[in-house]
PDB file of N, CA and C in Angstrom:
ATOM      1  N   MET A   1     -29.679 125.601-100.904  1.00  0.00           N
ATOM      2  CA  MET A   1     -31.018 125.270-101.173  1.00  0.00           C
ATOM      3  C   MET A   1     -31.137 123.810-101.029  1.00  0.00           C
ATOM      4  N   THR A   2     -30.242 123.134-101.492  1.00  0.00           N
ATOM      5  CA  THR A   2     -30.410 121.647-101.552  1.00  0.00           C
ATOM      6  C   THR A   2     -30.574 121.059-100.081  1.00  0.00           C
ATOM      7  N   THR A   3     -29.780 121.502 -99.124  1.00  0.00           N
ATOM      8  CA  THR A   3     -29.880 121.159 -97.827  1.00  0.00           C
ATOM      9  C   THR A   3     -31.206 121.286 -97.177  1.00  0.00           C
ATOM     10  N   PHE A   4     -31.757 122.494 -97.421  1.00  0.00           N
ATOM     11  CA  PHE A   4     -33.194 122.780 -97.068  1.00  0.00           C
ATOM     12  C   PHE A   4     -34.216 121.800 -97.647  1.00  0.00           C
ATOM     13  N   ASN A   5     -34.005 121.537 -98.913  1.00  0.00           N
ATOM     14  CA  ASN A   5     -34.903 120.517 -99.571  1.00  0.00           C
ATOM     15  C   ASN A   5     -34.767 119.198 -98.946  1.00  0.00           C
ATOM     16  N   ASP A   6     -33.591 118.784 -98.816  1.00  0.00           N
ATOM     17  CA  ASP A   6     -33.291 117.477 -98.185  1.00  0.00           C
ATOM     18  C   ASP A   6     -33.951 117.467 -96.884  1.00  0.00           C
ATOM     19  N   ARG A   7     -33.744 118.416 -95.993  1.00  0.00           N
ATOM     20  CA  ARG A   7     -34.403 118.282 -94.626  1.00  0.00           C
ATOM     21  C   ARG A   7     -36.128 118.284 -94.756  1.00  0.00           C
ATOM     22  N   GLU A   8     -36.587 119.100 -95.550  1.00  0.00           N
ATOM     23  CA  GLU A   8     -37.948 119.146 -95.788  1.00  0.00           C
ATOM     24  C   GLU A   8     -38.475 117.791 -96.377  1.00  0.00           C
ATOM     25  N   ASN A   9     -37.862 117.112 -97.312  1.00  0.00           N
ATOM     26  CA  ASN A   9     -38.234 115.843 -97.749  1.00  0.00           C
ATOM     27  C   ASN A   9     -38.159 114.864 -96.701  1.00  0.00           C
ATOM     28  N   ALA A  10     -37.092 114.756 -95.743  1.00  0.00           N
ATOM     29  CA  ALA A  10     -36.705 113.871 -94.720  1.00  0.00           C
ATOM     30  C   ALA A  10     -37.948 114.122 -93.618  1.00  0.00           C
ATOM     31  N   PHE A  11     -38.494 115.206 -93.440  1.00  0.00           N
ATOM     32  CA  PHE A  11     -39.411 115.582 -92.492  1.00  0.00           C
ATOM     33  C   PHE A  11     -40.763 114.970 -92.969  1.00  0.00           C
ATOM     34  N   GLU A  12     -40.978 115.157 -94.325  1.00  0.00           N
ATOM     35  CA  GLU A  12     -42.233 114.785 -94.986  1.00  0.00           C
ATOM     36  C   GLU A  12     -42.306 113.172 -94.966  1.00  0.00           C
ATOM     37  N   ASN A  13     -41.112 112.577 -95.289  1.00  0.00           N
ATOM     38  CA  ASN A  13     -41.093 111.245 -95.287  1.00  0.00           C
ATOM     39  C   ASN A  13     -41.318 110.638 -93.871  1.00  0.00           C
ATOM     40  N   LYS A  14     -40.762 111.200 -92.780  1.00  0.00           N
ATOM     41  CA  LYS A  14     -40.956 110.716 -91.292  1.00  0.00           C
ATOM     42  C   LYS A  14     -42.340 110.794 -91.009  1.00  0.00           C
ATOM     43  N   PHE A  15     -42.965 112.170 -91.372  1.00  0.00           N
ATOM     44  CA  PHE A  15     -44.340 112.184 -90.988  1.00  0.00           C
ATOM     45  C   PHE A  15     -45.225 111.189 -91.682  1.00  0.00           C
ATOM     46  N   ALA A  16     -44.965 110.815 -92.844  1.00  0.00           N
ATOM     47  CA  ALA A  16     -45.819 109.847 -93.637  1.00  0.00           C
ATOM     48  C   ALA A  16     -45.601 108.553 -93.081  1.00  0.00           C
ATOM     49  N   ARG A  17     -44.382 108.190 -92.585  1.00  0.00           N
ATOM     50  CA  ARG A  17     -44.196 106.723 -91.857  1.00  0.00           C
ATOM     51  C   ARG A  17     -44.987 106.930 -90.429  1.00  0.00           C
ATOM     52  N   ASP A  18     -44.818 107.874 -89.824  1.00  0.00           N
ATOM     53  CA  ASP A  18     -45.483 108.004 -88.433  1.00  0.00           C
ATOM     54  C   ASP A  18     -46.925 107.856 -88.532  1.00  0.00           C
ATOM     55  N   GLU A  19     -47.350 108.466 -89.546  1.00  0.00           N
ATOM     56  CA  GLU A  19     -48.961 108.464 -89.692  1.00  0.00           C
ATOM     57  C   GLU A  19     -49.352 107.000 -90.053  1.00  0.00           C
ATOM     58  N   GLU A  20     -48.589 106.335 -91.014  1.00  0.00           N
ATOM     59  CA  GLU A  20     -48.797 104.900 -91.339  1.00  0.00           C
ATOM     60  C   GLU A  20     -48.662 104.130 -90.306  1.00  0.00           C
ATOM     61  N   LEU A  21     -47.910 104.311 -89.316  1.00  0.00           N
ATOM     62  CA  LEU A  21     -47.559 103.511 -88.100  1.00  0.00           C
ATOM     63  C   LEU A  21     -48.963 103.593 -87.270  1.00  0.00           C
ATOM     64  N   GLN A  22     -49.095 104.892 -87.054  1.00  0.00           N
ATOM     65  CA  GLN A  22     -50.285 105.250 -86.124  1.00  0.00           C
ATOM     66  C   GLN A  22     -51.599 104.593 -86.692  1.00  0.00           C
ATOM     67  N   PHE A  23     -51.616 104.519 -87.927  1.00  0.00           N
ATOM     68  CA  PHE A  23     -52.931 103.879 -88.434  1.00  0.00           C
ATOM     69  C   PHE A  23     -52.934 102.285 -88.276  1.00  0.00           C
ATOM     70  N   LYS A  24     -51.750 101.765 -88.425  1.00  0.00           N
ATOM     71  CA  LYS A  24     -51.567 100.417 -88.252  1.00  0.00           C
ATOM     72  C   LYS A  24     -51.763 100.019 -86.868  1.00  0.00           C
ATOM     73  N   VAL A  25     -51.285 100.645 -85.927  1.00  0.00           N
ATOM     74  CA  VAL A  25     -51.519 100.583 -84.491  1.00  0.00           C
ATOM     75  C   VAL A  25     -52.953 100.756 -84.072  1.00  0.00           C
ATOM     76  N   THR A  26     -53.465 101.659 -84.537  1.00  0.00           N
ATOM     77  CA  THR A  26     -54.970 101.717 -84.204  1.00  0.00           C
ATOM     78  C   THR A  26     -55.876 100.652 -84.720  1.00  0.00           C
ATOM     79  N   ALA A  27     -55.655 100.320 -85.769  1.00  0.00           N
ATOM     80  CA  ALA A  27     -56.385  99.076 -86.580  1.00  0.00           C
ATOM     81  C   ALA A  27     -56.074  97.828 -85.766  1.00  0.00           C
ATOM     82  N   ARG A  28     -54.850  97.641 -85.179  1.00  0.00           N
ATOM     83  CA  ARG A  28     -54.359  96.572 -84.343  1.00  0.00           C
ATOM     84  C   ARG A  28     -55.187  96.579 -83.121  1.00  0.00           C
ATOM     85  N   ARG A  29     -55.234  97.779 -82.414  1.00  0.00           N
ATOM     86  CA  ARG A  29     -56.012  98.073 -81.259  1.00  0.00           C
ATOM     87  C   ARG A  29     -57.571  97.819 -81.445  1.00  0.00           C
ATOM     88  N   ASN A  30     -58.112  98.104 -82.461  1.00  0.00           N
ATOM     89  CA  ASN A  30     -59.430  97.763 -82.731  1.00  0.00           C
ATOM     90  C   ASN A  30     -59.625  96.374 -82.845  1.00  0.00           C
ATOM     91  N   LYS A  31     -58.761  95.706 -83.637  1.00  0.00           N
ATOM     92  CA  LYS A  31     -58.756  94.102 -83.599  1.00  0.00           C
ATOM     93  C   LYS A  31     -58.837  93.557 -82.261  1.00  0.00           C
ATOM     94  N   LEU A  32     -57.820  94.155 -81.498  1.00  0.00           N
ATOM     95  CA  LEU A  32     -57.788  93.450 -79.952  1.00  0.00           C
ATOM     96  C   LEU A  32     -58.988  93.655 -79.252  1.00  0.00           C
ATOM     97  N   VAL A  33     -59.509  94.889 -79.257  1.00  0.00           N
ATOM     98  CA  VAL A  33     -60.536  95.126 -78.562  1.00  0.00           C
ATOM     99  C   VAL A  33     -61.959  94.527 -78.982  1.00  0.00           C
ATOM    100  N   GLY A  34     -61.918  94.237 -80.286  1.00  0.00           N
ATOM    101  CA  GLY A  34     -62.976  93.391 -80.924  1.00  0.00           C
ATOM    102  C   GLY A  34     -62.872  92.071 -80.384  1.00  0.00           C
ATOM    103  N   LEU A  35     -61.618  91.481 -80.332  1.00  0.00           N
ATOM    104  CA  LEU A  35     -61.538  90.080 -79.713  1.00  0.00           C
ATOM    105  C   LEU A  35     -61.908  90.106 -78.267  1.00  0.00           C
ATOM    106  N   TRP A  36     -61.552  91.030 -77.540  1.00  0.00           N
ATOM    107  CA  TRP A  36     -61.964  91.269 -76.204  1.00  0.00           C
ATOM    108  C   TRP A  36     -63.520  91.143 -75.971  1.00  0.00           C
ATOM    109  N   ALA A  37     -64.208  92.003 -76.776  1.00  0.00           N
ATOM    110  CA  ALA A  37     -65.599  92.072 -76.711  1.00  0.00           C
ATOM    111  C   ALA A  37     -66.384  90.876 -77.126  1.00  0.00           C
ATOM    112  N   ALA A  38     -65.662  90.078 -78.085  1.00  0.00           N
ATOM    113  CA  ALA A  38     -66.101  88.802 -78.616  1.00  0.00           C
ATOM    114  C   ALA A  38     -66.268  87.884 -77.382  1.00  0.00           C
ATOM    115  N   GLU A  39     -65.054  87.862 -76.704  1.00  0.00           N
ATOM    116  CA  GLU A  39     -64.904  86.908 -75.604  1.00  0.00           C
ATOM    117  C   GLU A  39     -66.038  87.206 -74.709  1.00  0.00           C
ATOM    118  N   LYS A  40     -66.372  88.344 -74.256  1.00  0.00           N
ATOM    119  CA  LYS A  40     -67.321  88.723 -73.340  1.00  0.00           C
ATOM    120  C   LYS A  40     -68.639  88.292 -73.794  1.00  0.00           C
ATOM    121  N   MET A  41     -69.019  88.278 -75.102  1.00  0.00           N
ATOM    122  CA  MET A  41     -70.200  87.799 -75.693  1.00  0.00           C
ATOM    123  C   MET A  41     -70.179  86.306 -75.776  1.00  0.00           C
ATOM    124  N   GLY A  42     -69.160  85.664 -75.687  1.00  0.00           N
ATOM    125  CA  GLY A  42     -69.097  84.217 -75.772  1.00  0.00           C
ATOM    126  C   GLY A  42     -69.210  83.665 -77.361  1.00  0.00           C
ATOM    127  N   LEU A  43     -68.603  84.334 -78.104  1.00  0.00           N
ATOM    128  CA  LEU A  43     -68.638  84.040 -79.523  1.00  0.00           C
ATOM    129  C   LEU A  43     -67.538  82.842 -79.720  1.00  0.00           C
ATOM    130  N   THR A  44     -67.744  82.090 -80.753  1.00  0.00           N
ATOM    131  CA  THR A  44     -66.792  81.069 -81.124  1.00  0.00           C
ATOM    132  C   THR A  44     -65.611  81.709 -81.830  1.00  0.00           C
ATOM    133  N   ALA A  45     -64.592  80.849 -82.057  1.00  0.00           N
ATOM    134  CA  ALA A  45     -63.183  81.526 -82.627  1.00  0.00           C
ATOM    135  C   ALA A  45     -63.484  82.153 -84.026  1.00  0.00           C
ATOM    136  N   GLU A  46     -64.269  81.405 -84.710  1.00  0.00           N
ATOM    137  CA  GLU A  46     -64.521  82.117 -86.162  1.00  0.00           C
ATOM    138  C   GLU A  46     -65.477  83.265 -85.943  1.00  0.00           C
ATOM    139  N   GLU A  47     -66.480  83.363 -84.965  1.00  0.00           N
ATOM    140  CA  GLU A  47     -67.131  84.463 -85.053  1.00  0.00           C
ATOM    141  C   GLU A  47     -66.517  85.729 -84.449  1.00  0.00           C
ATOM    142  N   SER A  48     -65.477  85.254 -83.441  1.00  0.00           N
ATOM    143  CA  SER A  48     -64.696  86.254 -82.882  1.00  0.00           C
ATOM    144  C   SER A  48     -63.898  87.057 -84.050  1.00  0.00           C
ATOM    145  N   ASP A  49     -63.242  86.202 -84.943  1.00  0.00           N
ATOM    146  CA  ASP A  49     -62.262  86.925 -86.014  1.00  0.00           C
ATOM    147  C   ASP A  49     -63.088  87.871 -86.859  1.00  0.00           C
ATOM    148  N   SER A  50     -64.209  87.311 -87.216  1.00  0.00           N
ATOM    149  CA  SER A  50     -65.250  88.121 -88.031  1.00  0.00           C
ATOM    150  C   SER A  50     -65.686  89.347 -87.185  1.00  0.00           C
ATOM    151  N   TYR A  51     -66.082  89.238 -85.883  1.00  0.00           N
ATOM    152  CA  TYR A  51     -66.589  90.273 -85.212  1.00  0.00           C
ATOM    153  C   TYR A  51     -65.387  91.286 -84.914  1.00  0.00           C
ATOM    154  N   ALA A  52     -64.115  90.806 -84.984  1.00  0.00           N
ATOM    155  CA  ALA A  52     -63.027  91.912 -84.669  1.00  0.00           C
ATOM    156  C   ALA A  52     -62.780  92.744 -86.120  1.00  0.00           C
ATOM    157  N   LYS A  53     -63.080  91.872 -87.134  1.00  0.00           N
ATOM    158  CA  LYS A  53     -62.841  92.697 -88.437  1.00  0.00           C
ATOM    159  C   LYS A  53     -63.980  93.655 -88.538  1.00  0.00           C
ATOM    160  N   SER A  54     -65.190  93.398 -88.128  1.00  0.00           N
ATOM    161  CA  SER A  54     -66.144  94.302 -88.091  1.00  0.00           C
ATOM    162  C   SER A  54     -65.937  95.470 -87.220  1.00  0.00           C
ATOM    163  N   VAL A  55     -65.265  95.389 -86.172  1.00  0.00           N
ATOM    164  CA  VAL A  55     -64.894  96.568 -85.277  1.00  0.00           C
ATOM    165  C   VAL A  55     -63.837  97.336 -85.964  1.00  0.00           C
ATOM    166  N   VAL A  56     -62.887  96.797 -86.693  1.00  0.00           N
ATOM    167  CA  VAL A  56     -61.892  97.699 -87.417  1.00  0.00           C
ATOM    168  C   VAL A  56     -62.635  98.426 -88.562  1.00  0.00           C
ATOM    169  N   GLN A  57     -63.617  97.754 -89.255  1.00  0.00           N
ATOM    170  CA  GLN A  57     -64.323  98.582 -90.290  1.00  0.00           C
ATOM    171  C   GLN A  57     -65.150  99.556 -89.730  1.00  0.00           C
ATOM    172  N   ALA A  58     -65.693  99.421 -88.504  1.00  0.00           N
ATOM    173  CA  ALA A  58     -66.449 100.515 -87.928  1.00  0.00           C
ATOM    174  C   ALA A  58     -65.727 101.630 -87.779  1.00  0.00           C
ATOM    175  N   ASP A  59     -64.429 101.664 -87.467  1.00  0.00           N
ATOM    176  CA  ASP A  59     -63.696 102.872 -87.150  1.00  0.00           C
ATOM    177  C   ASP A  59     -63.468 103.724 -88.385  1.00  0.00           C
ATOM    178  N   PHE A  60     -63.843 103.252 -89.588  1.00  0.00           N
ATOM    179  CA  PHE A  60     -63.908 104.147 -90.811  1.00  0.00           C
ATOM    180  C   PHE A  60     -65.052 105.005 -90.881  1.00  0.00           C
ATOM    181  N   GLU A  61     -66.103 104.792 -90.090  1.00  0.00           N
ATOM    182  CA  GLU A  61     -67.417 105.556 -90.126  1.00  0.00           C
ATOM    183  C   GLU A  61     -67.162 107.078 -89.840  1.00  0.00           C
ATOM    184  N   GLU A  62     -66.328 107.363 -88.839  1.00  0.00           N
ATOM    185  CA  GLU A  62     -66.027 108.719 -88.604  1.00  0.00           C
ATOM    186  C   GLU A  62     -64.672 108.893 -87.807  1.00  0.00           C
ATOM    187  N   ALA A  63     -63.999 110.050 -87.725  1.00  0.00           N
ATOM    188  CA  ALA A  63     -62.912 110.421 -87.122  1.00  0.00           C
ATOM    189  C   ALA A  63     -63.091 110.157 -85.589  1.00  0.00           C
ATOM    190  N   GLY A  64     -62.043 109.641 -84.953  1.00  0.00           N
ATOM    191  CA  GLY A  64     -62.147 109.401 -83.490  1.00  0.00           C
ATOM    192  C   GLY A  64     -62.693 108.092 -83.157  1.00  0.00           C
ATOM    193  N   ASP A  65     -62.722 107.734 -81.854  1.00  0.00           N
ATOM    194  CA  ASP A  65     -63.175 106.378 -81.370  1.00  0.00           C
ATOM    195  C   ASP A  65     -64.693 106.241 -81.038  1.00  0.00           C
ATOM    196  N   GLU A  66     -65.463 107.345 -81.178  1.00  0.00           N
ATOM    197  CA  GLU A  66     -66.928 107.331 -80.937  1.00  0.00           C
ATOM    198  C   GLU A  66     -67.607 106.086 -81.710  1.00  0.00           C
ATOM    199  N   ASP A  67     -67.268 106.058 -82.980  1.00  0.00           N
ATOM    200  CA  ASP A  67     -67.967 104.953 -83.743  1.00  0.00           C
ATOM    201  C   ASP A  67     -67.528 103.627 -83.235  1.00  0.00           C
ATOM    202  N   VAL A  68     -66.378 103.359 -82.808  1.00  0.00           N
ATOM    203  CA  VAL A  68     -65.995 102.164 -82.219  1.00  0.00           C
ATOM    204  C   VAL A  68     -66.662 101.725 -80.758  1.00  0.00           C
ATOM    205  N   VAL A  69     -66.647 102.864 -79.936  1.00  0.00           N
ATOM    206  CA  VAL A  69     -67.402 102.835 -78.712  1.00  0.00           C
ATOM    207  C   VAL A  69     -68.780 102.416 -78.932  1.00  0.00           C
ATOM    208  N   ARG A  70     -69.402 103.087 -79.717  1.00  0.00           N
ATOM    209  CA  ARG A  70     -70.883 103.018 -80.139  1.00  0.00           C
ATOM    210  C   ARG A  70     -71.073 101.540 -80.676  1.00  0.00           C
ATOM    211  N   LYS A  71     -70.263 101.158 -81.480  1.00  0.00           N
ATOM    212  CA  LYS A  71     -70.496  99.731 -81.894  1.00  0.00           C
ATOM    213  C   LYS A  71     -70.469  98.627 -80.785  1.00  0.00           C
ATOM    214  N   ILE A  72     -69.241  98.685 -80.151  1.00  0.00           N
ATOM    215  CA  ILE A  72     -69.137  97.693 -79.017  1.00  0.00           C
ATOM    216  C   ILE A  72     -70.110  97.768 -78.017  1.00  0.00           C
ATOM    217  N   LEU A  73     -70.577  98.967 -77.583  1.00  0.00           N
ATOM    218  CA  LEU A  73     -71.478  99.184 -76.457  1.00  0.00           C
ATOM    219  C   LEU A  73     -72.748  98.535 -77.024  1.00  0.00           C
ATOM    220  N   GLY A  74     -73.177  98.922 -78.230  1.00  0.00           N
ATOM    221  CA  GLY A  74     -74.347  98.235 -78.755  1.00  0.00           C
ATOM    222  C   GLY A  74     -74.465  96.724 -78.840  1.00  0.00           C
ATOM    223  N   ASP A  75     -73.323  96.287 -79.371  1.00  0.00           N
ATOM    224  CA  ASP A  75     -73.198  94.838 -79.522  1.00  0.00           C
ATOM    225  C   ASP A  75     -73.116  94.188 -78.135  1.00  0.00           C
ATOM    226  N   LEU A  76     -72.526  94.624 -77.122  1.00  0.00           N
ATOM    227  CA  LEU A  76     -72.464  94.038 -75.931  1.00  0.00           C
ATOM    228  C   LEU A  76     -73.805  94.209 -75.247  1.00  0.00           C
ATOM    229  N   THR A  77     -74.451  95.187 -75.420  1.00  0.00           N
ATOM    230  CA  THR A  77     -75.604  95.380 -74.826  1.00  0.00           C
ATOM    231  C   THR A  77     -76.907  94.471 -75.371  1.00  0.00           C
ATOM    232  N   SER A  78     -76.801  94.366 -76.812  1.00  0.00           N
ATOM    233  CA  SER A  78     -77.667  93.472 -77.399  1.00  0.00           C
ATOM    234  C   SER A  78     -77.492  91.932 -76.975  1.00  0.00           C
ATOM    235  N   ALA A  79     -76.206  91.729 -76.745  1.00  0.00           N
ATOM    236  CA  ALA A  79     -75.764  90.280 -76.287  1.00  0.00           C
ATOM    237  C   ALA A  79     -76.076  89.953 -74.875  1.00  0.00           C
ATOM    238  N   GLY A  80     -76.673  90.941 -74.140  1.00  0.00           N
ATOM    239  CA  GLY A  80     -76.903  90.811 -72.609  1.00  0.00           C
ATOM    240  C   GLY A  80     -75.718  91.026 -71.716  1.00  0.00           C
ATOM    241  N   VAL A  81     -74.660  91.559 -72.324  1.00  0.00           N
ATOM    242  CA  VAL A  81     -73.479  91.791 -71.331  1.00  0.00           C
ATOM    243  C   VAL A  81     -73.482  93.072 -70.775  1.00  0.00           C
ATOM    244  N   ASP A  82     -73.445  93.017 -69.513  1.00  0.00           N
ATOM    245  CA  ASP A  82     -73.425  94.208 -68.738  1.00  0.00           C
ATOM    246  C   ASP A  82     -72.106  94.972 -69.014  1.00  0.00           C
ATOM    247  N   SER A  83     -72.135  96.241 -69.518  1.00  0.00           N
ATOM    248  CA  SER A  83     -70.952  97.094 -69.811  1.00  0.00           C
ATOM    249  C   SER A  83     -71.481  98.541 -70.077  1.00  0.00           C
ATOM    250  N   ASP A  84     -70.436  99.321 -69.905  1.00  0.00           N
ATOM    251  CA  ASP A  84     -70.679 100.811 -70.189  1.00  0.00           C
ATOM    252  C   ASP A  84     -69.608 101.306 -70.858  1.00  0.00           C
ATOM    253  N   GLU A  85     -69.730 102.741 -71.227  1.00  0.00           N
ATOM    254  CA  GLU A  85     -68.820 103.237 -72.096  1.00  0.00           C
ATOM    255  C   GLU A  85     -67.520 103.431 -71.536  1.00  0.00           C
ATOM    256  N   ALA A  86     -67.427 103.706 -70.219  1.00  0.00           N
ATOM    257  CA  ALA A  86     -66.059 103.786 -69.384  1.00  0.00           C
ATOM    258  C   ALA A  86     -65.390 102.611 -69.513  1.00  0.00           C
ATOM    259  N   THR A  87     -66.025 101.400 -69.407  1.00  0.00           N
ATOM    260  CA  THR A  87     -65.393 100.080 -69.467  1.00  0.00           C
ATOM    261  C   THR A  87     -64.766  99.843 -70.905  1.00  0.00           C
ATOM    262  N   ILE A  88     -65.475 100.157 -71.936  1.00  0.00           N
ATOM    263  CA  ILE A  88     -64.991 100.176 -73.350  1.00  0.00           C
ATOM    264  C   ILE A  88     -63.847 101.084 -73.473  1.00  0.00           C
ATOM    265  N   ARG A  89     -63.966 102.236 -72.966  1.00  0.00           N
ATOM    266  CA  ARG A  89     -62.817 103.238 -73.235  1.00  0.00           C
ATOM    267  C   ARG A  89     -61.581 102.731 -72.564  1.00  0.00           C
ATOM    268  N   ALA A  90     -61.760 102.060 -71.302  1.00  0.00           N
ATOM    269  CA  ALA A  90     -60.640 101.729 -70.558  1.00  0.00           C
ATOM    270  C   ALA A  90     -59.962 100.473 -71.392  1.00  0.00           C
ATOM    271  N   ALA A  91     -60.910  99.541 -72.050  1.00  0.00           N
ATOM    272  CA  ALA A  91     -60.203  98.378 -72.854  1.00  0.00           C
ATOM    273  C   ALA A  91     -59.539  98.994 -74.138  1.00  0.00           C
ATOM    274  N   LEU A  92     -60.072 100.153 -74.669  1.00  0.00           N
ATOM    275  CA  LEU A  92     -59.329 100.667 -75.758  1.00  0.00           C
ATOM    276  C   LEU A  92     -58.030 101.392 -75.391  1.00  0.00           C
ATOM    277  N   ASP A  93     -57.930 101.858 -74.253  1.00  0.00           N
ATOM    278  CA  ASP A  93     -56.603 102.140 -73.832  1.00  0.00           C
ATOM    279  C   ASP A  93     -55.552 101.227 -73.502  1.00  0.00           C
ATOM    280  N   ALA A  94     -56.210 100.111 -72.790  1.00  0.00           N
ATOM    281  CA  ALA A  94     -55.217  98.857 -72.536  1.00  0.00           C
ATOM    282  C   ALA A  94     -54.861  98.271 -73.887  1.00  0.00           C
ATOM    283  N   LYS A  95     -55.753  98.063 -74.755  1.00  0.00           N
ATOM    284  CA  LYS A  95     -55.302  97.524 -76.054  1.00  0.00           C
ATOM    285  C   LYS A  95     -54.397  98.261 -76.986  1.00  0.00           C
ATOM    286  N   MET A  96     -54.547  99.587 -76.756  1.00  0.00           N
ATOM    287  CA  MET A  96     -53.685 100.622 -77.495  1.00  0.00           C
ATOM    288  C   MET A  96     -52.227 100.261 -77.113  1.00  0.00           C
ATOM    289  N   VAL A  97     -52.058 100.101 -75.644  1.00  0.00           N
ATOM    290  CA  VAL A  97     -50.717  99.835 -75.252  1.00  0.00           C
ATOM    291  C   VAL A  97     -50.314  98.533 -75.649  1.00  0.00           C
ATOM    292  N   GLU A  98     -51.237  97.428 -75.783  1.00  0.00           N
ATOM    293  CA  GLU A  98     -50.823  96.174 -76.176  1.00  0.00           C
ATOM    294  C   GLU A  98     -50.487  96.241 -77.808  1.00  0.00           C
ATOM    295  N   ALA A  99     -51.137  97.075 -78.483  1.00  0.00           N
ATOM    296  CA  ALA A  99     -50.949  97.093 -79.945  1.00  0.00           C
ATOM    297  C   ALA A  99     -49.637  97.640 -80.173  1.00  0.00           C
ATOM    298  N   ARG A 100     -49.342  98.721 -79.418  1.00  0.00           N
ATOM    299  CA  ARG A 100     -48.026  99.414 -79.614  1.00  0.00           C
ATOM    300  C   ARG A 100     -46.796  98.358 -79.344  1.00  0.00           C
ATOM    301  N   ARG A 101     -46.963  97.639 -78.175  1.00  0.00           N
ATOM    302  CA  ARG A 101     -46.042  96.667 -77.624  1.00  0.00           C
ATOM    303  C   ARG A 101     -45.837  95.649 -78.779  1.00  0.00           C
ATOM    304  N   GLN A 102     -46.773  95.074 -79.421  1.00  0.00           N
ATOM    305  CA  GLN A 102     -46.670  94.220 -80.520  1.00  0.00           C
ATOM    306  C   GLN A 102     -45.900  94.622 -81.648  1.00  0.00           C
ATOM    307  N   PHE A 103     -46.206  95.850 -82.030  1.00  0.00           N
ATOM    308  CA  PHE A 103     -45.438  96.452 -83.186  1.00  0.00           C
ATOM    309  C   PHE A 103     -43.989  96.687 -82.847  1.00  0.00           C
ATOM    310  N   ILE A 104     -43.699  97.042 -81.601  1.00  0.00           N
ATOM    311  CA  ILE A 104     -42.387  97.096 -81.223  1.00  0.00           C
ATOM    312  C   ILE A 104     -41.527  95.815 -81.126  1.00  0.00           C
ATOM    313  N   GLU A 105     -42.221  94.754 -80.665  1.00  0.00           N
ATOM    314  CA  GLU A 105     -41.570  93.538 -80.547  1.00  0.00           C
ATOM    315  C   GLU A 105     -41.443  92.846 -82.037  1.00  0.00           C
ATOM    316  N   GLU A 106     -42.252  93.395 -83.043  1.00  0.00           N
ATOM    317  CA  GLU A 106     -42.198  92.787 -84.411  1.00  0.00           C
ATOM    318  C   GLU A 106     -41.136  93.465 -85.158  1.00  0.00           C
ATOM    319  N   ALA A 107     -40.743  94.677 -84.774  1.00  0.00           N
ATOM    320  CA  ALA A 107     -39.699  95.530 -85.451  1.00  0.00           C
ATOM    321  C   ALA A 107     -38.314  94.985 -85.233  1.00  0.00           C
TER     322      ALA A 107
END
């Protein structure tokens, strides 16, 4: 029975680590896409950092990426930047790859 319990505990620990890593990668992606959007809006370095943090916070509103897409699209539109949902989703995909690469390089 001990072997089964050990395996079960190992699986649960791996699952928890994987979930934590995915959370961190997604938060990093949101920060990167926030910086991308801030650059398009012509924000200063301080404003860009603050804006990127607000994008990370926006992801806590609901499950999935819809809250992030909605925030960025609304902010870009308000700033007079021509953008659409497809462009933002493409940026999210590209920044997810970059965020994963950054975590791999840090390890």
